[in-house]
Amino acid sequence: AVVSTQSTGNIARNNRRASWTVVILSTIFSILNIVLLVLRSFPHFTNISGSTFLNLVFPFCFIVASINSAINPVVYFFRRSDMRSFVKRYILRRISFRRNTVNVNSTAIDNC
């Protein structure tokens, strides 16, 4: 099969873009998990007992792990045009639905 140069260029551009997205997500993941790794290793180098340390740090570890998961959709939103158009359509649909609901309710009240 013959592939046009324009199609090959689009594939190459999409591959580069996807690669950069993976690099961004991997960097964020690594930074947040290095913090967790350091915190988990901390009791081995200090006099803090493991149970006391874990009780003090677990809420922080949980928040950091959650931040990593919460950041991924934000990164995808800025990196992918189809994600931006989906969010735009969703928001416009919700606004339109709310306007129609308000109009129906006001019409029902006027007819009473």
PDB file of N, CA and C in Angstrom:
ATOM      1  N   ALA A   1       0.840  -1.172   0.000  1.00  0.00           N
ATOM      2  CA  ALA A   1       0.000   0.000   0.000  1.00  0.00           C
ATOM      3  C   ALA A   1       0.887   1.237   0.000  1.00  0.00           C
ATOM      4  N   VAL A   2       0.470   2.239  -0.748  1.00  0.00           N
ATOM      5  CA  VAL A   2       1.214   3.477  -0.848  1.00  0.00           C
ATOM      6  C   VAL A   2       0.636   4.475   0.148  1.00  0.00           C
ATOM      7  N   VAL A   3       1.520   5.083   0.944  1.00  0.00           N
ATOM      8  CA  VAL A   3       1.111   6.066   1.931  1.00  0.00           C
ATOM      9  C   VAL A   3       1.594   7.424   1.457  1.00  0.00           C
ATOM     10  N   SER A   4       0.693   8.396   1.431  1.00  0.00           N
ATOM     11  CA  SER A   4       1.073   9.730   0.963  1.00  0.00           C
ATOM     12  C   SER A   4       2.011  10.402   1.968  1.00  0.00           C
ATOM     13  N   THR A   5       2.779  11.357   1.480  1.00  0.00           N
ATOM     14  CA  THR A   5       3.706  12.081   2.354  1.00  0.00           C
ATOM     15  C   THR A   5       2.958  12.921   3.377  1.00  0.00           C
ATOM     16  N   GLN A   6       1.790  13.434   3.011  1.00  0.00           N
ATOM     17  CA  GLN A   6       1.014  14.213   3.962  1.00  0.00           C
ATOM     18  C   GLN A   6       0.563  13.313   5.113  1.00  0.00           C
ATOM     19  N   SER A   7       0.104  12.104   4.776  1.00  0.00           N
ATOM     20  CA  SER A   7      -0.324  11.162   5.800  1.00  0.00           C
ATOM     21  C   SER A   7       0.853  10.752   6.686  1.00  0.00           C
ATOM     22  N   THR A   8       2.009  10.528   6.069  1.00  0.00           N
ATOM     23  CA  THR A   8       3.207  10.174   6.829  1.00  0.00           C
ATOM     24  C   THR A   8       3.613  11.318   7.750  1.00  0.00           C
ATOM     25  N   GLY A   9       3.508  12.549   7.265  1.00  0.00           N
ATOM     26  CA  GLY A   9       3.819  13.720   8.096  1.00  0.00           C
ATOM     27  C   GLY A   9       2.878  13.835   9.286  1.00  0.00           C
ATOM     28  N   ASN A  10       1.581  13.561   9.060  1.00  0.00           N
ATOM     29  CA  ASN A  10       0.611  13.611  10.152  1.00  0.00           C
ATOM     30  C   ASN A  10       0.906  12.534  11.189  1.00  0.00           C
ATOM     31  N   ILE A  11       1.273  11.352  10.711  1.00  0.00           N
ATOM     32  CA  ILE A  11       1.593  10.262  11.638  1.00  0.00           C
ATOM     33  C   ILE A  11       2.811  10.624  12.471  1.00  0.00           C
ATOM     34  N   ALA A  12       3.828  11.156  11.816  1.00  0.00           N
ATOM     35  CA  ALA A  12       5.045  11.542  12.532  1.00  0.00           C
ATOM     36  C   ALA A  12       4.755  12.640  13.550  1.00  0.00           C
ATOM     37  N   ARG A  13       3.943  13.628  13.165  1.00  0.00           N
ATOM     38  CA  ARG A  13       3.582  14.727  14.079  1.00  0.00           C
ATOM     39  C   ARG A  13       2.794  14.187  15.268  1.00  0.00           C
ATOM     40  N   ASN A  14       1.843  13.284  14.999  1.00  0.00           N
ATOM     41  CA  ASN A  14       1.049  12.699  16.085  1.00  0.00           C
ATOM     42  C   ASN A  14       1.915  11.861  17.016  1.00  0.00           C
ATOM     43  N   ASN A  15       2.880  11.135  16.435  1.00  0.00           N
ATOM     44  CA  ASN A  15       3.782  10.330  17.268  1.00  0.00           C
ATOM     45  C   ASN A  15       4.645  11.213  18.158  1.00  0.00           C
ATOM     46  N   ARG A  16       5.155  12.321  17.610  1.00  0.00           N
ATOM     47  CA  ARG A  16       5.946  13.253  18.423  1.00  0.00           C
ATOM     48  C   ARG A  16       5.103  13.850  19.544  1.00  0.00           C
ATOM     49  N   ARG A  17       3.897  14.237  19.199  1.00  0.00           N
ATOM     50  CA  ARG A  17       3.007  14.835  20.198  1.00  0.00           C
ATOM     51  C   ARG A  17       2.680  13.826  21.302  1.00  0.00           C
ATOM     52  N   ALA A  18       2.397  12.591  20.908  1.00  0.00           N
ATOM     53  CA  ALA A  18       2.106  11.549  21.897  1.00  0.00           C
ATOM     54  C   ALA A  18       3.337  11.272  22.764  1.00  0.00           C
ATOM     55  N   SER A  19       4.495  11.276  22.156  1.00  0.00           N
ATOM     56  CA  SER A  19       5.730  11.045  22.918  1.00  0.00           C
ATOM     57  C   SER A  19       5.949  12.140  23.955  1.00  0.00           C
ATOM     58  N   TRP A  20       5.716  13.391  23.572  1.00  0.00           N
ATOM     59  CA  TRP A  20       5.869  14.488  24.529  1.00  0.00           C
ATOM     60  C   TRP A  20       4.854  14.385  25.657  1.00  0.00           C
ATOM     61  N   THR A  21       3.645  13.951  25.338  1.00  0.00           N
ATOM     62  CA  THR A  21       2.631  13.773  26.379  1.00  0.00           C
ATOM     63  C   THR A  21       3.077  12.709  27.372  1.00  0.00           C
ATOM     64  N   VAL A  22       3.629  11.620  26.864  1.00  0.00           N
ATOM     65  CA  VAL A  22       4.142  10.559  27.745  1.00  0.00           C
ATOM     66  C   VAL A  22       5.290  11.086  28.599  1.00  0.00           C
ATOM     67  N   VAL A  23       6.174  11.884  28.027  1.00  0.00           N
ATOM     68  CA  VAL A  23       7.288  12.462  28.785  1.00  0.00           C
ATOM     69  C   VAL A  23       6.750  13.364  29.902  1.00  0.00           C
ATOM     70  N   ILE A  24       5.780  14.193  29.595  1.00  0.00           N
ATOM     71  CA  ILE A  24       5.201  15.099  30.602  1.00  0.00           C
ATOM     72  C   ILE A  24       4.558  14.309  31.734  1.00  0.00           C
ATOM     73  N   LEU A  25       3.730  13.319  31.375  1.00  0.00           N
ATOM     74  CA  LEU A  25       3.050  12.520  32.401  1.00  0.00           C
ATOM     75  C   LEU A  25       4.053  11.714  33.227  1.00  0.00           C
ATOM     76  N   SER A  26       5.076  11.168  32.582  1.00  0.00           N
ATOM     77  CA  SER A  26       6.088  10.387  33.304  1.00  0.00           C
ATOM     78  C   SER A  26       6.893  11.269  34.255  1.00  0.00           C
ATOM     79  N   THR A  27       7.186  12.491  33.834  1.00  0.00           N
ATOM     80  CA  THR A  27       7.924  13.417  34.693  1.00  0.00           C
ATOM     81  C   THR A  27       7.107  13.773  35.926  1.00  0.00           C
ATOM     82  N   ILE A  28       5.840  14.093  35.722  1.00  0.00           N
ATOM     83  CA  ILE A  28       4.969  14.423  36.857  1.00  0.00           C
ATOM     84  C   ILE A  28       4.872  13.225  37.803  1.00  0.00           C
ATOM     85  N   PHE A  29       4.662  12.039  37.242  1.00  0.00           N
ATOM     86  CA  PHE A  29       4.569  10.825  38.046  1.00  0.00           C
ATOM     87  C   PHE A  29       5.858  10.603  38.839  1.00  0.00           C
ATOM     88  N   SER A  30       6.999  10.766  38.184  1.00  0.00           N
ATOM     89  CA  SER A  30       8.289  10.544  38.843  1.00  0.00           C
ATOM     90  C   SER A  30       8.522  11.537  39.969  1.00  0.00           C
ATOM     91  N   ILE A  31       8.258  12.794  39.721  1.00  0.00           N
ATOM     92  CA  ILE A  31       8.464  13.820  40.752  1.00  0.00           C
ATOM     93  C   ILE A  31       7.616  13.529  41.986  1.00  0.00           C
ATOM     94  N   LEU A  32       6.353  13.221  41.768  1.00  0.00           N
ATOM     95  CA  LEU A  32       5.471  12.971  42.910  1.00  0.00           C
ATOM     96  C   LEU A  32       5.835  11.682  43.630  1.00  0.00           C
ATOM     97  N   ASN A  33       6.316  10.685  42.910  1.00  0.00           N
ATOM     98  CA  ASN A  33       6.672   9.428  43.562  1.00  0.00           C
ATOM     99  C   ASN A  33       8.059   9.462  44.184  1.00  0.00           C
ATOM    100  N   ILE A  34       8.944  10.316  43.706  1.00  0.00           N
ATOM    101  CA  ILE A  34      10.233  10.480  44.372  1.00  0.00           C
ATOM    102  C   ILE A  34      10.002  11.037  45.779  1.00  0.00           C
ATOM    103  N   VAL A  35       9.053  11.947  45.895  1.00  0.00           N
ATOM    104  CA  VAL A  35       8.700  12.477  47.208  1.00  0.00           C
ATOM    105  C   VAL A  35       8.247  11.336  48.109  1.00  0.00           C
ATOM    106  N   LEU A  36       7.404  10.453  47.590  1.00  0.00           N
ATOM    107  CA  LEU A  36       6.925   9.321  48.389  1.00  0.00           C
ATOM    108  C   LEU A  36       8.064   8.380  48.743  1.00  0.00           C
ATOM    109  N   LEU A  37       8.955   8.124  47.816  1.00  0.00           N
ATOM    110  CA  LEU A  37      10.093   7.245  48.073  1.00  0.00           C
ATOM    111  C   LEU A  37      10.981   7.805  49.174  1.00  0.00           C
ATOM    112  N   VAL A  38      11.236   9.100  49.116  1.00  0.00           N
ATOM    113  CA  VAL A  38      12.054   9.744  50.155  1.00  0.00           C
ATOM    114  C   VAL A  38      11.344   9.657  51.498  1.00  0.00           C
ATOM    115  N   LEU A  39      10.055   9.913  51.508  1.00  0.00           N
ATOM    116  CA  LEU A  39       9.309   9.857  52.768  1.00  0.00           C
ATOM    117  C   LEU A  39       9.282   8.445  53.341  1.00  0.00           C
ATOM    118  N   ARG A  40       9.169   7.455  52.480  1.00  0.00           N
ATOM    119  CA  ARG A  40       9.160   6.061  52.942  1.00  0.00           C
ATOM    120  C   ARG A  40      10.544   5.644  53.449  1.00  0.00           C
ATOM    121  N   SER A  41      11.615   6.203  52.905  1.00  0.00           N
ATOM    122  CA  SER A  41      12.977   5.861  53.318  1.00  0.00           C
ATOM    123  C   SER A  41      13.406   6.632  54.560  1.00  0.00           C
ATOM    124  N   PHE A  42      12.731   7.715  54.858  1.00  0.00           N
ATOM    125  CA  PHE A  42      13.102   8.597  55.958  1.00  0.00           C
ATOM    126  C   PHE A  42      13.249   7.867  57.301  1.00  0.00           C
ATOM    127  N   PRO A  43      12.326   6.963  57.691  1.00  0.00           N
ATOM    128  CA  PRO A  43      12.464   6.300  58.995  1.00  0.00           C
ATOM    129  C   PRO A  43      13.747   5.467  59.124  1.00  0.00           C
ATOM    130  N   HIS A  44      14.287   4.988  58.032  1.00  0.00           N
ATOM    131  CA  HIS A  44      15.498   4.176  58.088  1.00  0.00           C
ATOM    132  C   HIS A  44      16.719   5.016  58.442  1.00  0.00           C
ATOM    133  N   PHE A  45      16.646   6.313  58.223  1.00  0.00           N
ATOM    134  CA  PHE A  45      17.795   7.187  58.462  1.00  0.00           C
ATOM    135  C   PHE A  45      17.603   8.112  59.665  1.00  0.00           C
ATOM    136  N   THR A  46      16.493   7.963  60.365  1.00  0.00           N
ATOM    137  CA  THR A  46      16.223   8.819  61.527  1.00  0.00           C
ATOM    138  C   THR A  46      15.826   7.960  62.716  1.00  0.00           C
ATOM    139  N   ASN A  47      15.541   8.594  63.838  1.00  0.00           N
ATOM    140  CA  ASN A  47      15.124   7.874  65.051  1.00  0.00           C
ATOM    141  C   ASN A  47      13.607   7.749  65.159  1.00  0.00           C
ATOM    142  N   ILE A  48      12.883   8.194  64.137  1.00  0.00           N
ATOM    143  CA  ILE A  48      11.423   8.118  64.170  1.00  0.00           C
ATOM    144  C   ILE A  48      11.011   6.682  63.932  1.00  0.00           C
ATOM    145  N   SER A  49      10.153   6.164  64.806  1.00  0.00           N
ATOM    146  CA  SER A  49       9.696   4.782  64.607  1.00  0.00           C
ATOM    147  C   SER A  49       8.783   4.713  63.390  1.00  0.00           C
ATOM    148  N   GLY A  50       8.747   3.563  62.746  1.00  0.00           N
ATOM    149  CA  GLY A  50       7.980   3.400  61.517  1.00  0.00           C
ATOM    150  C   GLY A  50       6.503   3.669  61.693  1.00  0.00           C
ATOM    151  N   SER A  51       5.895   3.163  62.772  1.00  0.00           N
ATOM    152  CA  SER A  51       4.458   3.345  62.943  1.00  0.00           C
ATOM    153  C   SER A  51       4.104   4.806  63.196  1.00  0.00           C
ATOM    154  N   THR A  52       4.879   5.487  64.024  1.00  0.00           N
ATOM    155  CA  THR A  52       4.629   6.905  64.278  1.00  0.00           C
ATOM    156  C   THR A  52       4.811   7.706  62.999  1.00  0.00           C
ATOM    157  N   PHE A  53       5.858   7.407  62.306  1.00  0.00           N
ATOM    158  CA  PHE A  53       6.130   8.111  61.050  1.00  0.00           C
ATOM    159  C   PHE A  53       5.008   7.901  60.044  1.00  0.00           C
ATOM    160  N   LEU A  54       4.587   6.630  59.863  1.00  0.00           N
ATOM    161  CA  LEU A  54       3.524   6.356  58.897  1.00  0.00           C
ATOM    162  C   LEU A  54       2.215   7.020  59.295  1.00  0.00           C
ATOM    163  N   ASN A  55       1.924   7.059  60.595  1.00  0.00           N
ATOM    164  CA  ASN A  55       0.701   7.730  61.046  1.00  0.00           C
ATOM    165  C   ASN A  55       0.735   9.229  60.765  1.00  0.00           C
ATOM    166  N   LEU A  56       1.912   9.813  60.856  1.00  0.00           N
ATOM    167  CA  LEU A  56       2.035  11.241  60.599  1.00  0.00           C
ATOM    168  C   LEU A  56       2.027  11.567  59.106  1.00  0.00           C
ATOM    169  N   VAL A  57       2.606  10.686  58.297  1.00  0.00           N
ATOM    170  CA  VAL A  57       2.848  11.003  56.898  1.00  0.00           C
ATOM    171  C   VAL A  57       1.804  10.408  55.945  1.00  0.00           C
ATOM    172  N   PHE A  58       1.053   9.408  56.391  1.00  0.00           N
ATOM    173  CA  PHE A  58       0.103   8.761  55.489  1.00  0.00           C
ATOM    174  C   PHE A  58      -0.868   9.742  54.841  1.00  0.00           C
ATOM    175  N   PRO A  59      -1.467  10.679  55.574  1.00  0.00           N
ATOM    176  CA  PRO A  59      -2.373  11.627  54.897  1.00  0.00           C
ATOM    177  C   PRO A  59      -1.673  12.418  53.784  1.00  0.00           C
ATOM    178  N   PHE A  60      -0.443  12.830  54.039  1.00  0.00           N
ATOM    179  CA  PHE A  60       0.310  13.554  53.014  1.00  0.00           C
ATOM    180  C   PHE A  60       0.567  12.658  51.806  1.00  0.00           C
ATOM    181  N   CYS A  61       0.976  11.398  52.050  1.00  0.00           N
ATOM    182  CA  CYS A  61       1.232  10.456  50.952  1.00  0.00           C
ATOM    183  C   CYS A  61      -0.026  10.232  50.120  1.00  0.00           C
ATOM    184  N   PHE A  62      -1.158  10.122  50.789  1.00  0.00           N
ATOM    185  CA  PHE A  62      -2.423   9.914  50.091  1.00  0.00           C
ATOM    186  C   PHE A  62      -2.759  11.114  49.206  1.00  0.00           C
ATOM    187  N   ILE A  63      -2.538  12.312  49.710  1.00  0.00           N
ATOM    188  CA  ILE A  63      -2.808  13.526  48.932  1.00  0.00           C
ATOM    189  C   ILE A  63      -1.890  13.598  47.717  1.00  0.00           C
ATOM    190  N   VAL A  64      -0.606  13.304  47.906  1.00  0.00           N
ATOM    191  CA  VAL A  64       0.339  13.351  46.794  1.00  0.00           C
ATOM    192  C   VAL A  64      -0.043  12.336  45.721  1.00  0.00           C
ATOM    193  N   ALA A  65      -0.406  11.124  46.128  1.00  0.00           N
ATOM    194  CA  ALA A  65      -0.817  10.103  45.162  1.00  0.00           C
ATOM    195  C   ALA A  65      -2.083  10.541  44.416  1.00  0.00           C
ATOM    196  N   SER A  66      -2.999  11.179  45.108  1.00  0.00           N
ATOM    197  CA  SER A  66      -4.227  11.658  44.472  1.00  0.00           C
ATOM    198  C   SER A  66      -3.949  12.796  43.505  1.00  0.00           C
ATOM    199  N   ILE A  67      -3.011  13.647  43.842  1.00  0.00           N
ATOM    200  CA  ILE A  67      -2.658  14.767  42.961  1.00  0.00           C
ATOM    201  C   ILE A  67      -2.163  14.236  41.621  1.00  0.00           C
ATOM    202  N   ASN A  68      -1.363  13.176  41.653  1.00  0.00           N
ATOM    203  CA  ASN A  68      -0.860  12.592  40.414  1.00  0.00           C
ATOM    204  C   ASN A  68      -2.010  12.159  39.523  1.00  0.00           C
ATOM    205  N   SER A  69      -2.999  11.504  40.076  1.00  0.00           N
ATOM    206  CA  SER A  69      -4.142  11.050  39.286  1.00  0.00           C
ATOM    207  C   SER A  69      -5.002  12.222  38.813  1.00  0.00           C
ATOM    208  N   ALA A  70      -5.069  13.265  39.602  1.00  0.00           N
ATOM    209  CA  ALA A  70      -5.887  14.423  39.230  1.00  0.00           C
ATOM    210  C   ALA A  70      -5.230  15.272  38.152  1.00  0.00           C
ATOM    211  N   ILE A  71      -3.911  15.230  38.065  1.00  0.00           N
ATOM    212  CA  ILE A  71      -3.201  16.047  37.084  1.00  0.00           C
ATOM    213  C   ILE A  71      -3.312  15.469  35.669  1.00  0.00           C
ATOM    214  N   ASN A  72      -3.410  14.157  35.546  1.00  0.00           N
ATOM    215  CA  ASN A  72      -3.434  13.533  34.218  1.00  0.00           C
ATOM    216  C   ASN A  72      -4.518  14.092  33.295  1.00  0.00           C
ATOM    217  N   PRO A  73      -5.771  14.205  33.732  1.00  0.00           N
ATOM    218  CA  PRO A  73      -6.778  14.780  32.828  1.00  0.00           C
ATOM    219  C   PRO A  73      -6.481  16.220  32.425  1.00  0.00           C
ATOM    220  N   VAL A  74      -5.878  16.980  33.323  1.00  0.00           N
ATOM    221  CA  VAL A  74      -5.517  18.365  33.004  1.00  0.00           C
ATOM    222  C   VAL A  74      -4.464  18.386  31.900  1.00  0.00           C
ATOM    223  N   VAL A  75      -3.461  17.514  32.018  1.00  0.00           N
ATOM    224  CA  VAL A  75      -2.423  17.429  30.990  1.00  0.00           C
ATOM    225  C   VAL A  75      -3.043  17.028  29.658  1.00  0.00           C
ATOM    226  N   TYR A  76      -3.897  16.015  29.666  1.00  0.00           N
ATOM    227  CA  TYR A  76      -4.551  15.593  28.426  1.00  0.00           C
ATOM    228  C   TYR A  76      -5.406  16.710  27.833  1.00  0.00           C
ATOM    229  N   PHE A  77      -6.066  17.486  28.700  1.00  0.00           N
ATOM    230  CA  PHE A  77      -6.896  18.591  28.217  1.00  0.00           C
ATOM    231  C   PHE A  77      -6.056  19.581  27.428  1.00  0.00           C
ATOM    232  N   PHE A  78      -4.887  19.929  27.938  1.00  0.00           N
ATOM    233  CA  PHE A  78      -4.043  20.907  27.249  1.00  0.00           C
ATOM    234  C   PHE A  78      -3.286  20.316  26.074  1.00  0.00           C
ATOM    235  N   ARG A  79      -3.080  19.012  26.054  1.00  0.00           N
ATOM    236  CA  ARG A  79      -2.288  18.389  24.992  1.00  0.00           C
ATOM    237  C   ARG A  79      -3.129  17.880  23.827  1.00  0.00           C
ATOM    238  N   ARG A  80      -4.424  17.635  24.035  1.00  0.00           N
ATOM    239  CA  ARG A  80      -5.236  17.004  22.990  1.00  0.00           C
ATOM    240  C   ARG A  80      -6.418  17.897  22.594  1.00  0.00           C
ATOM    241  N   SER A  81      -6.492  18.183  21.311  1.00  0.00           N
ATOM    242  CA  SER A  81      -7.580  19.051  20.832  1.00  0.00           C
ATOM    243  C   SER A  81      -8.925  18.336  20.927  1.00  0.00           C
ATOM    244  N   ASP A  82      -8.963  17.019  20.733  1.00  0.00           N
ATOM    245  CA  ASP A  82     -10.240  16.307  20.836  1.00  0.00           C
ATOM    246  C   ASP A  82     -10.770  16.345  22.273  1.00  0.00           C
ATOM    247  N   MET A  83      -9.895  16.369  23.237  1.00  0.00           N
ATOM    248  CA  MET A  83     -10.323  16.484  24.630  1.00  0.00           C
ATOM    249  C   MET A  83     -10.916  17.869  24.888  1.00  0.00           C
ATOM    250  N   ARG A  84     -10.270  18.913  24.355  1.00  0.00           N
ATOM    251  CA  ARG A  84     -10.795  20.275  24.524  1.00  0.00           C
ATOM    252  C   ARG A  84     -12.159  20.424  23.852  1.00  0.00           C
ATOM    253  N   SER A  85     -12.310  19.870  22.649  1.00  0.00           N
ATOM    254  CA  SER A  85     -13.594  19.998  21.958  1.00  0.00           C
ATOM    255  C   SER A  85     -14.688  19.207  22.679  1.00  0.00           C
ATOM    256  N   PHE A  86     -14.336  18.056  23.274  1.00  0.00           N
ATOM    257  CA  PHE A  86     -15.319  17.291  24.048  1.00  0.00           C
ATOM    258  C   PHE A  86     -15.811  18.101  25.244  1.00  0.00           C
ATOM    259  N   VAL A  87     -14.872  18.696  25.985  1.00  0.00           N
ATOM    260  CA  VAL A  87     -15.248  19.488  27.161  1.00  0.00           C
ATOM    261  C   VAL A  87     -16.094  20.684  26.739  1.00  0.00           C
ATOM    262  N   LYS A  88     -15.719  21.328  25.644  1.00  0.00           N
ATOM    263  CA  LYS A  88     -16.482  22.478  25.158  1.00  0.00           C
ATOM    264  C   LYS A  88     -17.905  22.062  24.801  1.00  0.00           C
ATOM    265  N   ARG A  89     -18.040  20.951  24.050  1.00  0.00           N
ATOM    266  CA  ARG A  89     -19.381  20.458  23.694  1.00  0.00           C
ATOM    267  C   ARG A  89     -20.179  20.088  24.938  1.00  0.00           C
ATOM    268  N   TYR A  90     -19.552  19.460  25.908  1.00  0.00           N
ATOM    269  CA  TYR A  90     -20.231  19.054  27.139  1.00  0.00           C
ATOM    270  C   TYR A  90     -20.746  20.271  27.899  1.00  0.00           C
ATOM    271  N   ILE A  91     -19.889  21.273  28.053  1.00  0.00           N
ATOM    272  CA  ILE A  91     -20.295  22.480  28.781  1.00  0.00           C
ATOM    273  C   ILE A  91     -21.426  23.196  28.052  1.00  0.00           C
ATOM    274  N   LEU A  92     -21.310  23.334  26.727  1.00  0.00           N
ATOM    275  CA  LEU A  92     -22.372  23.998  25.963  1.00  0.00           C
ATOM    276  C   LEU A  92     -23.684  23.219  26.045  1.00  0.00           C
ATOM    277  N   ARG A  93     -23.594  21.901  26.025  1.00  0.00           N
ATOM    278  CA  ARG A  93     -24.793  21.068  26.141  1.00  0.00           C
ATOM    279  C   ARG A  93     -25.442  21.257  27.504  1.00  0.00           C
ATOM    280  N   ARG A  94     -24.626  21.333  28.581  1.00  0.00           N
ATOM    281  CA  ARG A  94     -25.159  21.531  29.928  1.00  0.00           C
ATOM    282  C   ARG A  94     -25.813  22.911  30.057  1.00  0.00           C
ATOM    283  N   ILE A  95     -25.179  23.941  29.473  1.00  0.00           N
ATOM    284  CA  ILE A  95     -25.748  25.288  29.510  1.00  0.00           C
ATOM    285  C   ILE A  95     -27.071  25.309  28.755  1.00  0.00           C
ATOM    286  N   SER A  96     -27.098  24.688  27.590  1.00  0.00           N
ATOM    287  CA  SER A  96     -28.320  24.629  26.794  1.00  0.00           C
ATOM    288  C   SER A  96     -29.417  23.884  27.551  1.00  0.00           C
ATOM    289  N   PHE A  97     -29.075  22.787  28.209  1.00  0.00           N
ATOM    290  CA  PHE A  97     -30.052  22.006  28.975  1.00  0.00           C
ATOM    291  C   PHE A  97     -30.627  22.843  30.108  1.00  0.00           C
ATOM    292  N   ARG A  98     -29.759  23.582  30.802  1.00  0.00           N
ATOM    293  CA  ARG A  98     -30.231  24.422  31.908  1.00  0.00           C
ATOM    294  C   ARG A  98     -31.154  25.533  31.398  1.00  0.00           C
ATOM    295  N   ARG A  99     -30.843  26.132  30.254  1.00  0.00           N
ATOM    296  CA  ARG A  99     -31.707  27.181  29.686  1.00  0.00           C
ATOM    297  C   ARG A  99     -33.069  26.612  29.342  1.00  0.00           C
ATOM    298  N   ASN A 100     -33.074  25.429  28.721  1.00  0.00           N
ATOM    299  CA  ASN A 100     -34.349  24.798  28.360  1.00  0.00           C
ATOM    300  C   ASN A 100     -35.143  24.435  29.596  1.00  0.00           C
ATOM    301  N   THR A 101     -34.493  23.979  30.654  1.00  0.00           N
ATOM    302  CA  THR A 101     -35.179  23.630  31.891  1.00  0.00           C
ATOM    303  C   THR A 101     -35.782  24.879  32.516  1.00  0.00           C
ATOM    304  N   VAL A 102     -35.049  25.975  32.536  1.00  0.00           N
ATOM    305  CA  VAL A 102     -35.558  27.231  33.099  1.00  0.00           C
ATOM    306  C   VAL A 102     -36.746  27.714  32.277  1.00  0.00           C
ATOM    307  N   ASN A 103     -36.671  27.638  30.954  1.00  0.00           N
ATOM    308  CA  ASN A 103     -37.779  28.076  30.103  1.00  0.00           C
ATOM    309  C   ASN A 103     -39.006  27.205  30.316  1.00  0.00           C
ATOM    310  N   VAL A 104     -38.837  25.905  30.442  1.00  0.00           N
ATOM    311  CA  VAL A 104     -39.969  25.012  30.673  1.00  0.00           C
ATOM    312  C   VAL A 104     -40.599  25.325  32.010  1.00  0.00           C
ATOM    313  N   ASN A 105     -39.819  25.534  33.055  1.00  0.00           N
ATOM    314  CA  ASN A 105     -40.353  25.835  34.374  1.00  0.00           C
ATOM    315  C   ASN A 105     -41.079  27.167  34.383  1.00  0.00           C
ATOM    316  N   SER A 106     -40.547  28.185  33.737  1.00  0.00           N
ATOM    317  CA  SER A 106     -41.216  29.482  33.729  1.00  0.00           C
ATOM    318  C   SER A 106     -42.509  29.410  32.922  1.00  0.00           C
ATOM    319  N   THR A 107     -42.528  28.622  31.839  1.00  0.00           N
ATOM    320  CA  THR A 107     -43.758  28.443  31.054  1.00  0.00           C
ATOM    321  C   THR A 107     -44.806  27.714  31.876  1.00  0.00           C
ATOM    322  N   ALA A 108     -44.403  26.715  32.635  1.00  0.00           N
ATOM    323  CA  ALA A 108     -45.351  25.976  33.474  1.00  0.00           C
ATOM    324  C   ALA A 108     -45.933  26.885  34.541  1.00  0.00           C
ATOM    325  N   ILE A 109     -45.153  27.772  35.097  1.00  0.00           N
ATOM    326  CA  ILE A 109     -45.637  28.696  36.127  1.00  0.00           C
ATOM    327  C   ILE A 109     -46.593  29.709  35.501  1.00  0.00           C
ATOM    328  N   ASP A 110     -46.284  30.191  34.288  1.00  0.00           N
ATOM    329  CA  ASP A 110     -47.136  31.173  33.630  1.00  0.00           C
ATOM    330  C   ASP A 110     -48.508  30.580  33.293  1.00  0.00           C
ATOM    331  N   ASN A 111     -48.571  29.274  33.040  1.00  0.00           N
ATOM    332  CA  ASN A 111     -49.827  28.636  32.651  1.00  0.00           C
ATOM    333  C   ASN A 111     -50.706  28.307  33.847  1.00  0.00           C
ATOM    334  N   CYS A 112     -50.236  28.509  35.067  1.00  0.00           N
ATOM    335  CA  CYS A 112     -51.033  28.157  36.248  1.00  0.00           C
ATOM    336  C   CYS A 112     -52.138  29.124  36.489  1.00  0.00           C
TER     337      CYS A 112
END
